[in-house]
Amino acid sequence: MTIAFVHRHVLEDHIIGFETKPNAHHITVPRHPTILTVLAHAGSEAAVGAALAHIEGVSVRVCGPAEWLCVSETVSAEALLRLVREIEGASAFDHSDGRVLLQITGAHVRKILAKCLAVDLHPEAFAIGRSANMLVAHVSGNLIRTADNIFEIIVPRSYAGTVFEELMEMGREFALTAGFAGE
């Protein structure tokens, strides 16, 4: 007897059946992003950070001293793990199945996020490329500003539904929509 496993995204029930064309304010959920946690060994922080910045197709997010998230929608977890483990003084762990990536866009994205974050998102305080760990709707997550009106949030898989629902509620006044990437 052969058992076939079907990958089911944790937000499947939150999105499927409610799809609509993306509005000006939209949450995009990639189905299979690669998400690694990278730690630098003592004394290797600067070298590891510099090496990570040179990996193509990967967004590097600061989590704290000597700790980063490496995120990609094009590089597989296996390939990225090989690349990072070649960096002297670095340790890497694949969290792709344990984390969910949400991209939220729109002209009023800061107003939406301000309802569930306790951080100043003004462009001068939170510049493009800046990232930080913080509470997102009372859940520990990582936020990065990737463009003028685009932010990405990474949260634990077990809390993704809670954060997603909270974001949708906070974006209701701007007719926030949601969908899986590429669909």
Protein backbone atom coordinates (compact mmCIF):
# COMPACT_ATOMS: atom_id res chain seq x y z
CA MET A 1 0.00 0.00 0.00
CA THR A 2 1.38 3.39 -0.99
CA ILE A 3 0.56 6.42 1.06
CA ALA A 4 0.70 9.76 -0.70
CA PHE A 5 1.24 12.86 1.37
CA VAL A 6 -0.23 16.11 0.16
CA HIS A 7 1.32 19.35 1.36
CA ARG A 8 -1.40 21.49 2.82
CA HIS A 9 -0.56 25.05 3.75
CA VAL A 10 -1.59 26.04 7.27
CA LEU A 11 -3.58 29.01 5.86
CA GLU A 12 -5.40 26.92 3.25
CA ASP A 13 -8.76 27.11 5.04
CA HIS A 14 -8.34 30.84 5.67
CA ILE A 15 -7.80 31.67 2.00
CA ILE A 16 -9.27 28.95 -0.25
CA GLY A 17 -12.88 29.66 -1.10
CA PHE A 18 -12.56 33.34 -0.31
CA GLU A 19 -10.26 34.31 -3.16
CA THR A 20 -10.86 37.57 -4.87
CA LYS A 21 -8.81 39.71 -7.19
CA PRO A 22 -6.08 41.47 -5.21
CA ASN A 23 -7.14 44.86 -3.96
CA ALA A 24 -4.83 47.86 -3.53
CA HIS A 25 -4.21 46.48 -0.03
CA HIS A 26 -3.35 42.80 -0.17
CA ILE A 27 -1.71 39.97 1.76
CA THR A 28 0.26 37.55 -0.41
CA VAL A 29 1.21 34.18 1.06
CA PRO A 30 3.97 32.19 -0.69
CA ARG A 31 3.25 28.46 -0.43
CA HIS A 32 6.83 27.13 -0.12
CA PRO A 33 9.34 29.78 0.92
CA THR A 34 12.74 28.75 2.23
CA ILE A 35 13.35 30.14 5.71
CA LEU A 36 16.62 29.46 7.53
CA THR A 37 17.84 30.68 10.89
CA VAL A 38 21.55 31.49 10.78
CA LEU A 39 23.72 31.99 13.84
CA ALA A 40 27.29 33.31 13.85
CA HIS A 41 29.85 31.79 16.17
CA ALA A 42 31.54 34.18 18.62
CA GLY A 43 33.95 36.46 16.78
CA SER A 44 32.53 35.63 13.33
CA GLU A 45 29.54 37.98 13.36
CA ALA A 46 30.82 40.53 10.83
CA ALA A 47 32.20 37.92 8.42
CA VAL A 48 29.02 35.84 8.50
CA GLY A 49 26.80 38.90 8.01
CA ALA A 50 28.89 40.05 5.04
CA ALA A 51 28.87 36.57 3.46
CA LEU A 52 25.09 36.24 3.82
CA ALA A 53 24.59 39.57 2.05
CA HIS A 54 26.29 38.16 -1.05
CA ILE A 55 24.04 35.12 -1.56
CA GLU A 56 21.89 35.70 -4.65
CA GLY A 57 18.13 35.25 -4.46
CA VAL A 58 18.07 35.50 -0.67
CA SER A 59 16.68 38.21 1.61
CA VAL A 60 18.62 38.47 4.87
CA ARG A 61 16.70 39.72 7.91
CA VAL A 62 18.31 40.72 11.20
CA CYS A 63 16.87 38.98 14.25
CA GLY A 64 19.40 40.08 16.83
CA PRO A 65 23.12 40.09 17.51
CA ALA A 66 24.73 37.33 15.43
CA GLU A 67 21.33 35.98 14.29
CA TRP A 68 19.59 36.29 10.92
CA LEU A 69 16.74 34.81 8.92
CA CYS A 70 17.57 33.95 5.30
CA VAL A 71 14.45 33.88 3.15
CA SER A 72 14.02 32.87 -0.48
CA GLU A 73 11.21 31.95 -2.81
CA THR A 74 13.66 30.73 -5.49
CA VAL A 75 16.49 28.92 -3.67
CA SER A 76 15.61 25.55 -2.14
CA ALA A 77 16.21 24.85 1.52
CA GLU A 78 18.80 22.18 0.69
CA ALA A 79 20.75 24.48 -1.63
CA LEU A 80 20.63 27.39 0.79
CA LEU A 81 21.71 25.20 3.71
CA ARG A 82 24.74 24.04 1.67
CA LEU A 83 25.68 27.64 0.83
CA VAL A 84 25.33 28.90 4.39
CA ARG A 85 27.16 25.95 5.94
CA GLU A 86 30.14 26.74 3.69
CA ILE A 87 30.49 30.08 5.51
CA GLU A 88 33.12 29.75 8.19
CA GLY A 89 31.72 30.48 11.64
CA ALA A 90 28.05 30.01 10.67
CA SER A 91 25.43 27.49 11.78
CA ALA A 92 22.14 27.18 9.93
CA PHE A 93 18.81 25.52 10.65
CA ASP A 94 15.91 24.99 8.23
CA HIS A 95 12.64 26.40 9.57
CA SER A 96 10.77 26.42 6.27
CA ASP A 97 8.05 24.07 7.50
CA GLY A 98 7.78 25.75 10.89
CA ARG A 99 7.34 29.36 9.76
CA VAL A 100 4.87 31.21 7.54
CA LEU A 101 5.70 34.23 5.38
CA LEU A 102 3.07 36.93 4.83
CA GLN A 103 3.64 39.88 2.49
CA ILE A 104 1.34 42.85 3.04
CA THR A 105 1.15 45.71 0.54
CA GLY A 106 -0.77 48.92 -0.01
CA ALA A 107 -0.66 52.68 0.38
CA HIS A 108 -2.09 52.42 3.92
CA VAL A 109 -0.09 49.37 5.01
CA ARG A 110 1.47 51.29 7.91
CA LYS A 111 -2.01 52.17 9.26
CA ILE A 112 -3.01 48.52 9.10
CA LEU A 113 0.17 47.32 10.81
CA ALA A 114 0.03 50.08 13.44
CA LYS A 115 -3.09 48.41 14.81
CA CYS A 116 -1.21 45.22 15.68
CA LEU A 117 2.45 46.30 16.12
CA ALA A 118 4.07 48.46 18.77
CA VAL A 119 6.82 49.93 16.59
CA ASP A 120 7.30 53.17 14.67
CA LEU A 121 6.93 52.33 10.96
CA HIS A 122 7.58 55.87 9.70
CA PRO A 123 10.00 55.65 6.72
CA GLU A 124 12.68 57.53 8.66
CA ALA A 125 12.40 55.17 11.64
CA PHE A 126 11.93 51.90 9.72
CA ALA A 127 13.78 52.24 6.41
CA ILE A 128 13.57 49.87 3.43
CA GLY A 129 15.60 46.77 4.24
CA ARG A 130 15.26 47.17 8.00
CA SER A 131 14.02 44.16 9.93
CA ALA A 132 13.45 43.30 13.55
CA ASN A 133 11.89 40.70 15.78
CA MET A 134 8.75 41.96 17.51
CA LEU A 135 5.26 41.04 18.60
CA VAL A 136 2.83 40.93 15.69
CA ALA A 137 -0.76 40.67 16.95
CA HIS A 138 0.65 39.37 20.27
CA VAL A 139 2.73 36.69 18.48
CA SER A 140 6.51 36.69 18.24
CA GLY A 141 7.51 37.35 14.64
CA ASN A 142 9.96 39.09 12.33
CA LEU A 143 9.03 42.15 10.28
CA ILE A 144 10.96 43.58 7.32
CA ARG A 145 10.19 46.54 5.10
CA THR A 146 11.05 45.40 1.56
CA ALA A 147 9.81 48.43 -0.42
CA ASP A 148 8.02 51.74 0.03
CA ASN A 149 4.62 50.23 0.91
CA ILE A 150 5.54 46.55 1.29
CA PHE A 151 6.27 44.67 4.50
CA GLU A 152 6.87 40.98 5.12
CA ILE A 153 6.08 39.16 8.33
CA ILE A 154 7.37 35.76 9.41
CA VAL A 155 5.55 34.00 12.24
CA PRO A 156 5.53 30.47 13.67
CA ARG A 157 3.30 28.09 11.73
CA SER A 158 1.17 27.31 14.77
CA TYR A 159 0.19 30.99 15.13
CA ALA A 160 -0.13 31.88 11.44
CA GLY A 161 -3.92 31.61 11.41
CA THR A 162 -4.26 33.94 14.39
CA VAL A 163 -1.93 36.55 12.87
CA PHE A 164 -3.59 36.24 9.46
CA GLU A 165 -7.08 36.75 10.90
CA GLU A 166 -5.89 39.71 12.98
CA LEU A 167 -4.30 41.36 9.91
CA MET A 168 -7.46 40.81 7.88
CA GLU A 169 -9.54 42.39 10.65
CA MET A 170 -7.17 45.35 10.97
CA GLY A 171 -7.28 45.86 7.19
CA ARG A 172 -11.04 45.68 6.83
CA GLU A 173 -11.45 49.48 6.49
CA PHE A 174 -9.05 49.36 3.50
CA ALA A 175 -10.78 46.31 1.92
CA LEU A 176 -7.68 44.16 2.52
CA THR A 177 -7.68 41.00 0.40
CA ALA A 178 -5.50 37.89 0.57
CA GLY A 179 -4.31 35.08 -1.64
CA PHE A 180 -1.53 32.62 -2.28
CA ALA A 181 1.38 33.84 -4.40
CA GLY A 182 1.03 33.03 -8.08
CA GLU A 183 -2.65 32.15 -7.89
